[in-house]
């Protein structure tokens, strides 16, 4: 976390495998293509004293337009914390800030095809995850995708060991 891939990029030895998880359009920023669109999230923290539980579950989604937020997370549900107080986080989407989700419209999908072609031509760089593949994954799908990709590309096909590759998680 808090790692800028582009500051480290020139120091990665030639021939080392790189697993890139950042935005694919950032990786190819110098190619002259337009940027892909992403949705970001603003997190609004609210604290309640002597309130018990705010909601019946750890995460409640609000997909409609009735409220300004898309989800509320109440963390004390995760570990069944016994406290009279609670903290919730309301999430609102925005088009400014760190990229979280691809905007899967026709324009972006056509543009992604260009980036995909470039990424397929990269030697020793593997593009993994929702930002690198410009694809929406639920968290469980993202983890499964990474595990299956690693197994297919590195352990099954090539029998690689940890010292044969470099992992850098880019947070743009």
N, C-alpha and C. Protein backbone atom coordinates (compact mmCIF):
# COMPACT_ATOMS: atom_id res chain seq x y z
N UNK A 1 0.84 -1.19 0.00
CA UNK A 1 0.00 0.00 0.00
C UNK A 1 0.87 1.24 0.00
N UNK A 2 0.29 2.32 -0.45
CA UNK A 2 1.01 3.58 -0.57
C UNK A 2 2.30 3.41 -1.36
N UNK A 3 2.23 2.59 -2.39
CA UNK A 3 3.38 2.34 -3.25
C UNK A 3 3.07 2.87 -4.63
N UNK A 4 3.96 3.67 -5.17
CA UNK A 4 3.79 4.20 -6.51
C UNK A 4 4.60 3.34 -7.47
N UNK A 5 3.92 2.47 -8.20
CA UNK A 5 4.58 1.58 -9.14
C UNK A 5 5.50 2.33 -10.08
N UNK A 6 5.07 3.50 -10.51
CA UNK A 6 5.83 4.23 -11.53
C UNK A 6 7.13 4.79 -10.99
N UNK A 7 7.25 4.96 -9.69
CA UNK A 7 8.53 5.35 -9.08
C UNK A 7 9.47 4.16 -8.98
N UNK A 8 8.92 2.96 -8.91
CA UNK A 8 9.72 1.74 -8.79
C UNK A 8 10.02 1.09 -10.13
N UNK A 9 9.25 1.41 -11.13
CA UNK A 9 9.28 0.71 -12.41
C UNK A 9 10.67 0.61 -13.02
N UNK A 10 11.40 1.70 -13.03
CA UNK A 10 12.72 1.68 -13.69
C UNK A 10 13.74 0.84 -12.91
N UNK A 11 13.47 0.56 -11.64
CA UNK A 11 14.39 -0.23 -10.84
C UNK A 11 14.14 -1.73 -10.89
N UNK A 12 13.10 -2.14 -11.59
CA UNK A 12 12.80 -3.57 -11.70
C UNK A 12 13.69 -4.16 -12.79
N UNK A 13 14.50 -5.14 -12.44
CA UNK A 13 15.43 -5.72 -13.43
C UNK A 13 14.70 -6.33 -14.62
N UNK A 14 15.29 -6.19 -15.78
CA UNK A 14 14.74 -6.81 -16.99
C UNK A 14 14.65 -8.32 -16.77
N UNK A 15 13.57 -8.91 -17.27
CA UNK A 15 13.38 -10.34 -17.14
C UNK A 15 12.64 -10.76 -15.88
N UNK A 16 12.50 -9.86 -14.91
CA UNK A 16 11.70 -10.17 -13.72
C UNK A 16 10.24 -10.07 -14.09
N UNK A 17 9.44 -10.99 -13.58
CA UNK A 17 8.01 -10.93 -13.82
C UNK A 17 7.38 -9.89 -12.90
N UNK A 18 6.45 -9.15 -13.44
CA UNK A 18 5.74 -8.13 -12.68
C UNK A 18 4.26 -8.45 -12.70
N UNK A 19 3.63 -8.40 -11.54
CA UNK A 19 2.18 -8.54 -11.43
C UNK A 19 1.65 -7.14 -11.16
N UNK A 20 0.99 -6.58 -12.17
CA UNK A 20 0.50 -5.19 -12.09
C UNK A 20 -1.00 -5.20 -11.79
N UNK A 21 -1.40 -4.50 -10.73
CA UNK A 21 -2.81 -4.47 -10.31
C UNK A 21 -3.42 -3.08 -10.39
N UNK A 22 -2.69 -2.13 -10.92
CA UNK A 22 -3.21 -0.76 -11.02
C UNK A 22 -4.04 -0.56 -12.28
N UNK A 23 -4.50 0.67 -12.49
CA UNK A 23 -5.29 0.98 -13.69
C UNK A 23 -4.48 0.76 -14.97
N UNK A 24 -5.05 0.00 -15.89
CA UNK A 24 -4.34 -0.33 -17.12
C UNK A 24 -4.02 0.92 -17.92
N UNK A 25 -4.90 1.92 -17.89
CA UNK A 25 -4.63 3.13 -18.67
C UNK A 25 -3.50 3.95 -18.05
N UNK A 26 -3.28 3.84 -16.75
CA UNK A 26 -2.13 4.51 -16.12
C UNK A 26 -0.82 3.87 -16.56
N UNK A 27 -0.82 2.55 -16.67
CA UNK A 27 0.37 1.83 -17.11
C UNK A 27 0.80 2.29 -18.50
N UNK A 28 -0.17 2.52 -19.36
CA UNK A 28 0.11 2.90 -20.75
C UNK A 28 -0.16 4.38 -21.02
N UNK A 29 0.01 5.21 -20.03
CA UNK A 29 -0.33 6.63 -20.14
C UNK A 29 0.40 7.33 -21.28
N UNK A 30 1.58 6.89 -21.62
CA UNK A 30 2.36 7.53 -22.67
C UNK A 30 1.99 7.12 -24.09
N UNK A 31 0.97 6.30 -24.26
CA UNK A 31 0.62 5.77 -25.58
C UNK A 31 -0.31 6.68 -26.38
N UNK A 32 -0.82 7.74 -25.75
CA UNK A 32 -1.67 8.69 -26.48
C UNK A 32 -3.15 8.37 -26.50
N UNK A 33 -3.58 7.34 -25.79
CA UNK A 33 -5.00 7.02 -25.72
C UNK A 33 -5.67 7.87 -24.65
N UNK A 34 -6.98 8.01 -24.76
CA UNK A 34 -7.74 8.68 -23.71
C UNK A 34 -7.73 7.84 -22.45
N UNK A 35 -8.07 8.47 -21.33
CA UNK A 35 -8.17 7.74 -20.07
C UNK A 35 -9.50 7.01 -19.99
N UNK A 36 -9.47 5.87 -19.32
CA UNK A 36 -10.70 5.15 -19.01
C UNK A 36 -11.38 5.84 -17.83
N UNK A 37 -12.68 5.65 -17.71
CA UNK A 37 -13.41 6.25 -16.60
C UNK A 37 -13.54 5.25 -15.45
N UNK A 38 -13.45 5.79 -14.23
CA UNK A 38 -13.61 4.97 -13.03
C UNK A 38 -14.54 5.68 -12.06
N UNK A 39 -15.18 4.89 -11.22
CA UNK A 39 -15.92 5.45 -10.10
C UNK A 39 -15.03 5.33 -8.87
N UNK A 40 -15.16 6.31 -8.01
CA UNK A 40 -14.43 6.30 -6.76
C UNK A 40 -15.45 6.30 -5.63
N UNK A 41 -14.97 6.27 -4.42
CA UNK A 41 -15.85 6.23 -3.26
C UNK A 41 -15.41 7.28 -2.24
N UNK A 42 -16.37 7.99 -1.70
CA UNK A 42 -16.13 8.84 -0.53
C UNK A 42 -16.67 8.10 0.68
N UNK A 43 -15.91 8.12 1.76
CA UNK A 43 -16.29 7.43 2.99
C UNK A 43 -16.66 8.48 4.04
N UNK A 44 -17.87 8.38 4.58
CA UNK A 44 -18.37 9.31 5.58
C UNK A 44 -18.53 8.55 6.90
N UNK A 45 -17.69 8.88 7.86
CA UNK A 45 -17.68 8.17 9.14
C UNK A 45 -18.61 8.86 10.12
N UNK A 46 -19.45 8.06 10.77
CA UNK A 46 -20.36 8.57 11.80
C UNK A 46 -20.18 7.72 13.05
N UNK A 47 -20.09 8.39 14.20
CA UNK A 47 -19.93 7.70 15.48
C UNK A 47 -21.16 7.93 16.33
N UNK A 48 -21.63 6.85 16.98
CA UNK A 48 -22.82 6.94 17.82
C UNK A 48 -22.50 6.37 19.21
N UNK A 49 -22.71 7.18 20.22
CA UNK A 49 -22.50 6.75 21.62
C UNK A 49 -23.80 6.18 22.15
N UNK A 50 -23.68 5.11 22.94
CA UNK A 50 -24.83 4.48 23.58
C UNK A 50 -25.95 4.18 22.58
N UNK A 51 -25.58 3.53 21.52
CA UNK A 51 -26.53 3.28 20.43
C UNK A 51 -26.75 1.81 20.15
N UNK A 52 -25.87 0.93 20.61
CA UNK A 52 -25.99 -0.48 20.24
C UNK A 52 -25.63 -0.67 18.78
N UNK A 53 -26.38 -1.53 18.10
CA UNK A 53 -26.16 -1.72 16.66
C UNK A 53 -26.99 -0.72 15.87
N UNK A 54 -26.39 -0.17 14.84
CA UNK A 54 -27.08 0.80 13.97
C UNK A 54 -27.97 0.08 12.96
N UNK A 55 -27.50 -1.09 12.49
CA UNK A 55 -28.22 -1.84 11.46
C UNK A 55 -28.11 -3.34 11.76
N UNK A 56 -28.95 -4.16 11.14
CA UNK A 56 -28.99 -5.58 11.49
C UNK A 56 -27.81 -6.41 10.97
N UNK A 57 -27.07 -5.91 9.99
CA UNK A 57 -25.94 -6.64 9.39
C UNK A 57 -24.74 -5.73 9.24
N UNK A 58 -23.58 -6.36 8.99
CA UNK A 58 -22.35 -5.57 8.84
C UNK A 58 -22.39 -4.64 7.64
N UNK A 59 -22.99 -5.10 6.53
CA UNK A 59 -23.06 -4.30 5.31
C UNK A 59 -24.50 -4.31 4.81
N UNK A 60 -25.02 -3.11 4.56
CA UNK A 60 -26.35 -2.98 3.97
C UNK A 60 -26.20 -2.09 2.74
N UNK A 61 -26.61 -2.61 1.58
CA UNK A 61 -26.54 -1.87 0.33
C UNK A 61 -27.83 -1.11 0.09
N UNK A 62 -27.69 0.06 -0.53
CA UNK A 62 -28.83 0.92 -0.88
C UNK A 62 -28.74 1.25 -2.37
N UNK A 63 -29.25 0.37 -3.24
CA UNK A 63 -29.08 0.55 -4.68
C UNK A 63 -29.99 1.61 -5.31
N UNK A 64 -31.00 2.09 -4.59
CA UNK A 64 -31.95 3.04 -5.17
C UNK A 64 -31.51 4.49 -5.01
N UNK A 65 -32.35 5.38 -5.49
CA UNK A 65 -32.05 6.81 -5.43
C UNK A 65 -32.69 7.49 -4.23
N UNK A 66 -33.29 6.70 -3.33
CA UNK A 66 -33.99 7.26 -2.17
C UNK A 66 -33.03 7.92 -1.19
N UNK A 67 -31.77 7.45 -1.14
CA UNK A 67 -30.77 8.01 -0.24
C UNK A 67 -29.53 8.38 -1.04
N UNK A 68 -28.69 9.22 -0.47
CA UNK A 68 -27.51 9.72 -1.19
C UNK A 68 -26.32 8.76 -1.15
N UNK A 69 -26.40 7.70 -0.38
CA UNK A 69 -25.28 6.77 -0.23
C UNK A 69 -25.64 5.42 -0.84
N UNK A 70 -24.60 4.62 -1.12
CA UNK A 70 -24.82 3.32 -1.75
C UNK A 70 -24.70 2.15 -0.79
N UNK A 71 -24.03 2.39 0.35
CA UNK A 71 -23.80 1.30 1.28
C UNK A 71 -23.48 1.90 2.65
N UNK A 72 -23.86 1.15 3.69
CA UNK A 72 -23.43 1.47 5.05
C UNK A 72 -22.73 0.24 5.60
N UNK A 73 -21.55 0.46 6.17
CA UNK A 73 -20.79 -0.62 6.80
C UNK A 73 -20.70 -0.31 8.29
N UNK A 74 -21.06 -1.30 9.09
CA UNK A 74 -20.93 -1.19 10.55
C UNK A 74 -19.95 -2.27 10.99
N UNK A 75 -18.75 -1.86 11.33
CA UNK A 75 -17.64 -2.80 11.51
C UNK A 75 -17.75 -3.67 12.75
N UNK A 76 -18.45 -3.24 13.77
CA UNK A 76 -18.48 -4.05 14.98
C UNK A 76 -19.22 -5.37 14.78
N UNK A 77 -19.99 -5.50 13.71
CA UNK A 77 -20.62 -6.78 13.38
C UNK A 77 -19.59 -7.85 13.03
N UNK A 78 -18.49 -7.45 12.39
CA UNK A 78 -17.52 -8.42 11.88
C UNK A 78 -16.92 -9.28 12.98
N UNK A 79 -16.64 -8.70 14.12
CA UNK A 79 -16.02 -9.45 15.21
C UNK A 79 -16.97 -9.60 16.40
N UNK A 80 -18.24 -9.33 16.18
CA UNK A 80 -19.25 -9.41 17.23
C UNK A 80 -18.81 -8.65 18.48
N UNK A 81 -18.36 -7.44 18.27
CA UNK A 81 -17.88 -6.61 19.38
C UNK A 81 -19.02 -6.27 20.33
N UNK A 82 -18.75 -6.36 21.60
CA UNK A 82 -19.74 -6.04 22.62
C UNK A 82 -19.42 -4.67 23.19
N UNK A 83 -20.04 -3.66 22.67
CA UNK A 83 -19.83 -2.28 23.12
C UNK A 83 -21.12 -1.52 22.92
N UNK A 84 -21.40 -0.57 23.80
CA UNK A 84 -22.64 0.20 23.64
C UNK A 84 -22.54 1.25 22.53
N UNK A 85 -21.36 1.44 21.98
CA UNK A 85 -21.15 2.46 20.95
C UNK A 85 -20.97 1.79 19.59
N UNK A 86 -21.10 2.57 18.54
CA UNK A 86 -20.87 2.02 17.21
C UNK A 86 -20.33 3.08 16.27
N UNK A 87 -19.70 2.61 15.23
CA UNK A 87 -19.18 3.46 14.16
C UNK A 87 -19.71 2.89 12.85
N UNK A 88 -20.25 3.76 12.02
CA UNK A 88 -20.70 3.34 10.69
C UNK A 88 -19.97 4.17 9.66
N UNK A 89 -19.89 3.62 8.46
CA UNK A 89 -19.31 4.34 7.33
C UNK A 89 -20.31 4.30 6.20
N UNK A 90 -20.75 5.48 5.78
CA UNK A 90 -21.63 5.57 4.61
C UNK A 90 -20.75 5.84 3.40
N UNK A 91 -21.02 5.11 2.33
CA UNK A 91 -20.24 5.25 1.10
C UNK A 91 -21.07 5.95 0.03
N UNK A 92 -20.46 6.95 -0.59
CA UNK A 92 -21.08 7.61 -1.74
C UNK A 92 -20.12 7.52 -2.91
N UNK A 93 -20.66 7.39 -4.10
CA UNK A 93 -19.80 7.27 -5.28
C UNK A 93 -19.52 8.65 -5.86
N UNK A 94 -18.39 8.74 -6.54
CA UNK A 94 -17.96 9.97 -7.17
C UNK A 94 -17.06 9.62 -8.35
N UNK A 95 -16.86 10.55 -9.25
CA UNK A 95 -15.95 10.31 -10.36
C UNK A 95 -14.58 10.92 -10.10
N UNK A 96 -14.35 11.42 -8.89
CA UNK A 96 -13.05 11.99 -8.52
C UNK A 96 -12.44 11.17 -7.40
N UNK A 97 -11.13 11.03 -7.42
CA UNK A 97 -10.45 10.29 -6.37
C UNK A 97 -9.85 9.00 -6.88
N UNK A 98 -9.43 8.15 -5.95
CA UNK A 98 -8.82 6.88 -6.31
C UNK A 98 -9.80 6.01 -7.08
N UNK A 99 -9.33 5.32 -8.11
CA UNK A 99 -10.23 4.45 -8.88
C UNK A 99 -10.57 3.19 -8.10
N UNK A 100 -11.86 2.90 -8.01
CA UNK A 100 -12.33 1.67 -7.37
C UNK A 100 -13.03 0.75 -8.36
N UNK A 101 -13.88 1.32 -9.20
CA UNK A 101 -14.72 0.52 -10.09
C UNK A 101 -14.65 1.05 -11.51
N UNK A 102 -14.54 0.16 -12.51
CA UNK A 102 -14.60 0.61 -13.90
C UNK A 102 -16.02 1.06 -14.26
N UNK A 103 -16.11 2.01 -15.16
CA UNK A 103 -17.41 2.45 -15.70
C UNK A 103 -17.59 1.71 -17.02
N UNK A 104 -18.41 0.69 -16.99
CA UNK A 104 -18.51 -0.24 -18.11
C UNK A 104 -19.55 0.22 -19.14
N UNK A 105 -19.22 1.29 -19.86
CA UNK A 105 -20.09 1.73 -20.95
C UNK A 105 -19.41 1.43 -22.29
N UNK A 106 -20.12 1.69 -23.37
CA UNK A 106 -19.62 1.34 -24.71
C UNK A 106 -18.29 2.03 -25.03
N UNK A 107 -18.20 3.31 -24.73
CA UNK A 107 -16.96 4.08 -25.00
C UNK A 107 -15.77 3.45 -24.29
N UNK A 108 -15.93 3.16 -23.02
CA UNK A 108 -14.82 2.62 -22.24
C UNK A 108 -14.46 1.21 -22.67
N UNK A 109 -15.45 0.41 -23.03
CA UNK A 109 -15.15 -0.95 -23.44
C UNK A 109 -14.39 -0.98 -24.77
N UNK A 110 -14.73 -0.08 -25.67
CA UNK A 110 -14.00 0.01 -26.94
C UNK A 110 -12.56 0.49 -26.70
N UNK A 111 -12.42 1.46 -25.81
CA UNK A 111 -11.09 1.98 -25.47
C UNK A 111 -10.26 0.91 -24.75
N UNK A 112 -10.90 0.16 -23.87
CA UNK A 112 -10.18 -0.89 -23.15
C UNK A 112 -9.60 -1.93 -24.11
N UNK A 113 -10.28 -2.21 -25.21
CA UNK A 113 -9.75 -3.17 -26.18
C UNK A 113 -8.35 -2.76 -26.65
N UNK A 114 -8.13 -1.46 -26.82
CA UNK A 114 -6.81 -0.96 -27.22
C UNK A 114 -5.78 -1.21 -26.13
N UNK A 115 -6.18 -0.93 -24.88
CA UNK A 115 -5.28 -1.18 -23.76
C UNK A 115 -5.01 -2.67 -23.58
N UNK A 116 -6.03 -3.48 -23.79
CA UNK A 116 -5.89 -4.93 -23.66
C UNK A 116 -4.88 -5.46 -24.67
N UNK A 117 -4.95 -4.95 -25.89
CA UNK A 117 -3.99 -5.36 -26.92
C UNK A 117 -2.57 -5.02 -26.49
N UNK A 118 -2.38 -3.83 -25.94
CA UNK A 118 -1.05 -3.44 -25.46
C UNK A 118 -0.60 -4.32 -24.30
N UNK A 119 -1.52 -4.60 -23.39
CA UNK A 119 -1.14 -5.41 -22.22
C UNK A 119 -0.79 -6.83 -22.63
N UNK A 120 -1.46 -7.36 -23.63
CA UNK A 120 -1.15 -8.70 -24.11
C UNK A 120 0.24 -8.77 -24.73
N UNK A 121 0.74 -7.65 -25.23
CA UNK A 121 2.06 -7.61 -25.86
C UNK A 121 3.20 -7.37 -24.87
N UNK A 122 2.87 -7.03 -23.63
CA UNK A 122 3.90 -6.77 -22.62
C UNK A 122 4.57 -8.07 -22.20
N UNK A 123 5.88 -8.10 -22.30
CA UNK A 123 6.64 -9.29 -21.88
C UNK A 123 6.93 -9.17 -20.38
N UNK A 124 6.70 -10.22 -19.66
CA UNK A 124 7.02 -10.31 -18.23
C UNK A 124 6.14 -9.45 -17.33
N UNK A 125 5.03 -8.91 -17.85
CA UNK A 125 4.10 -8.14 -17.02
C UNK A 125 2.74 -8.83 -17.09
N UNK A 126 2.18 -9.09 -15.93
CA UNK A 126 0.87 -9.73 -15.83
C UNK A 126 -0.11 -8.74 -15.22
N UNK A 127 -1.19 -8.49 -15.91
CA UNK A 127 -2.21 -7.53 -15.48
C UNK A 127 -3.32 -8.31 -14.77
N UNK A 128 -3.47 -8.05 -13.47
CA UNK A 128 -4.39 -8.82 -12.64
C UNK A 128 -5.28 -7.88 -11.85
N UNK A 129 -6.57 -8.23 -11.74
CA UNK A 129 -7.49 -7.48 -10.89
C UNK A 129 -8.43 -6.59 -11.68
N UNK A 130 -9.32 -5.94 -10.94
CA UNK A 130 -10.39 -5.16 -11.57
C UNK A 130 -9.86 -3.93 -12.30
N UNK A 131 -8.83 -3.28 -11.79
CA UNK A 131 -8.32 -2.07 -12.45
C UNK A 131 -7.45 -2.43 -13.66
N UNK A 132 -6.64 -3.45 -13.51
CA UNK A 132 -5.75 -3.85 -14.60
C UNK A 132 -6.50 -4.51 -15.75
N UNK A 133 -7.64 -5.12 -15.45
CA UNK A 133 -8.44 -5.78 -16.48
C UNK A 133 -9.72 -5.03 -16.80
N UNK A 134 -9.88 -3.89 -16.21
CA UNK A 134 -11.06 -3.04 -16.41
C UNK A 134 -12.34 -3.88 -16.39
N UNK A 135 -12.48 -4.59 -15.26
CA UNK A 135 -13.61 -5.50 -15.10
C UNK A 135 -14.09 -5.42 -13.66
N UNK A 136 -15.40 -5.46 -13.48
CA UNK A 136 -15.91 -5.44 -12.12
C UNK A 136 -15.82 -6.84 -11.51
N UNK A 137 -15.26 -6.92 -10.33
CA UNK A 137 -15.23 -8.14 -9.53
C UNK A 137 -15.79 -7.83 -8.16
N UNK A 138 -16.66 -8.70 -7.62
CA UNK A 138 -16.94 -8.66 -6.20
C UNK A 138 -15.66 -9.10 -5.50
N UNK A 139 -15.54 -8.79 -4.22
CA UNK A 139 -14.29 -9.10 -3.52
C UNK A 139 -13.96 -10.60 -3.56
N UNK A 140 -14.94 -11.46 -3.37
CA UNK A 140 -14.67 -12.90 -3.42
C UNK A 140 -14.21 -13.32 -4.82
N UNK A 141 -14.79 -12.70 -5.85
CA UNK A 141 -14.39 -13.00 -7.22
C UNK A 141 -12.98 -12.49 -7.50
N UNK A 142 -12.63 -11.34 -6.93
CA UNK A 142 -11.29 -10.76 -7.12
C UNK A 142 -10.23 -11.67 -6.53
N UNK A 143 -10.49 -12.19 -5.34
CA UNK A 143 -9.54 -13.08 -4.68
C UNK A 143 -9.41 -14.38 -5.46
N UNK A 144 -10.55 -14.95 -5.87
CA UNK A 144 -10.52 -16.19 -6.66
C UNK A 144 -9.79 -15.97 -7.99
N UNK A 145 -10.04 -14.84 -8.65
CA UNK A 145 -9.36 -14.52 -9.90
C UNK A 145 -7.85 -14.49 -9.71
N UNK A 146 -7.40 -13.85 -8.67
CA UNK A 146 -5.96 -13.74 -8.41
C UNK A 146 -5.35 -15.11 -8.12
N UNK A 147 -6.04 -15.92 -7.31
CA UNK A 147 -5.52 -17.24 -6.98
C UNK A 147 -5.47 -18.15 -8.21
N UNK A 148 -6.55 -18.14 -9.00
CA UNK A 148 -6.58 -18.97 -10.20
C UNK A 148 -5.56 -18.50 -11.23
N UNK A 149 -5.42 -17.19 -11.38
CA UNK A 149 -4.44 -16.65 -12.33
C UNK A 149 -3.03 -17.07 -11.92
N UNK A 150 -2.73 -16.91 -10.65
CA UNK A 150 -1.41 -17.28 -10.17
C UNK A 150 -1.14 -18.76 -10.39
N UNK A 151 -2.11 -19.58 -10.04
CA UNK A 151 -1.94 -21.03 -10.21
C UNK A 151 -1.72 -21.39 -11.68
N UNK A 152 -2.54 -20.80 -12.55
CA UNK A 152 -2.43 -21.10 -13.98
C UNK A 152 -1.14 -20.58 -14.59
N UNK A 153 -0.79 -19.34 -14.29
CA UNK A 153 0.34 -18.69 -14.95
C UNK A 153 1.70 -19.03 -14.34
N UNK A 154 1.73 -19.30 -13.04
CA UNK A 154 3.03 -19.41 -12.39
C UNK A 154 3.33 -20.79 -11.83
N UNK A 155 2.41 -21.41 -11.15
CA UNK A 155 2.77 -22.69 -10.54
C UNK A 155 2.56 -23.85 -11.49
N UNK A 156 1.42 -23.91 -12.17
CA UNK A 156 1.12 -25.05 -13.04
C UNK A 156 1.97 -25.01 -14.31
N UNK A 157 1.96 -23.87 -15.01
CA UNK A 157 2.65 -23.77 -16.30
C UNK A 157 4.16 -23.74 -16.16
N UNK A 158 4.63 -22.93 -15.25
CA UNK A 158 6.06 -22.63 -15.25
C UNK A 158 6.82 -23.14 -14.04
N UNK A 159 6.11 -23.59 -13.01
CA UNK A 159 6.79 -24.08 -11.81
C UNK A 159 7.69 -23.03 -11.17
N UNK A 160 7.27 -21.78 -11.21
CA UNK A 160 8.11 -20.71 -10.68
C UNK A 160 8.12 -20.70 -9.15
N UNK A 161 9.21 -20.17 -8.63
CA UNK A 161 9.34 -19.96 -7.19
C UNK A 161 9.22 -18.47 -6.91
N UNK A 162 8.99 -18.12 -5.67
CA UNK A 162 8.76 -16.72 -5.28
C UNK A 162 9.88 -15.79 -5.76
N UNK A 163 11.11 -16.24 -5.74
CA UNK A 163 12.23 -15.37 -6.13
C UNK A 163 12.25 -15.08 -7.64
N UNK A 164 11.39 -15.75 -8.40
CA UNK A 164 11.34 -15.54 -9.85
C UNK A 164 10.44 -14.38 -10.28
N UNK A 165 9.68 -13.79 -9.36
CA UNK A 165 8.76 -12.74 -9.74
C UNK A 165 8.74 -11.61 -8.72
N UNK A 166 8.18 -10.48 -9.14
CA UNK A 166 8.07 -9.29 -8.29
C UNK A 166 6.62 -8.91 -8.21
N UNK A 167 6.12 -8.61 -7.01
CA UNK A 167 4.74 -8.18 -6.83
C UNK A 167 4.75 -6.75 -6.32
N UNK A 168 4.11 -5.86 -7.08
CA UNK A 168 3.94 -4.48 -6.66
C UNK A 168 2.47 -4.13 -6.78
N UNK A 169 1.85 -3.74 -5.68
CA UNK A 169 0.44 -3.34 -5.71
C UNK A 169 0.40 -1.84 -5.81
N UNK A 170 -0.15 -1.33 -6.90
CA UNK A 170 -0.15 0.11 -7.16
C UNK A 170 -1.43 0.74 -6.65
N UNK A 171 -1.29 1.77 -5.85
CA UNK A 171 -2.43 2.55 -5.38
C UNK A 171 -2.30 3.93 -5.98
N UNK A 172 -3.06 4.20 -7.01
CA UNK A 172 -2.96 5.48 -7.71
C UNK A 172 -3.88 6.50 -7.04
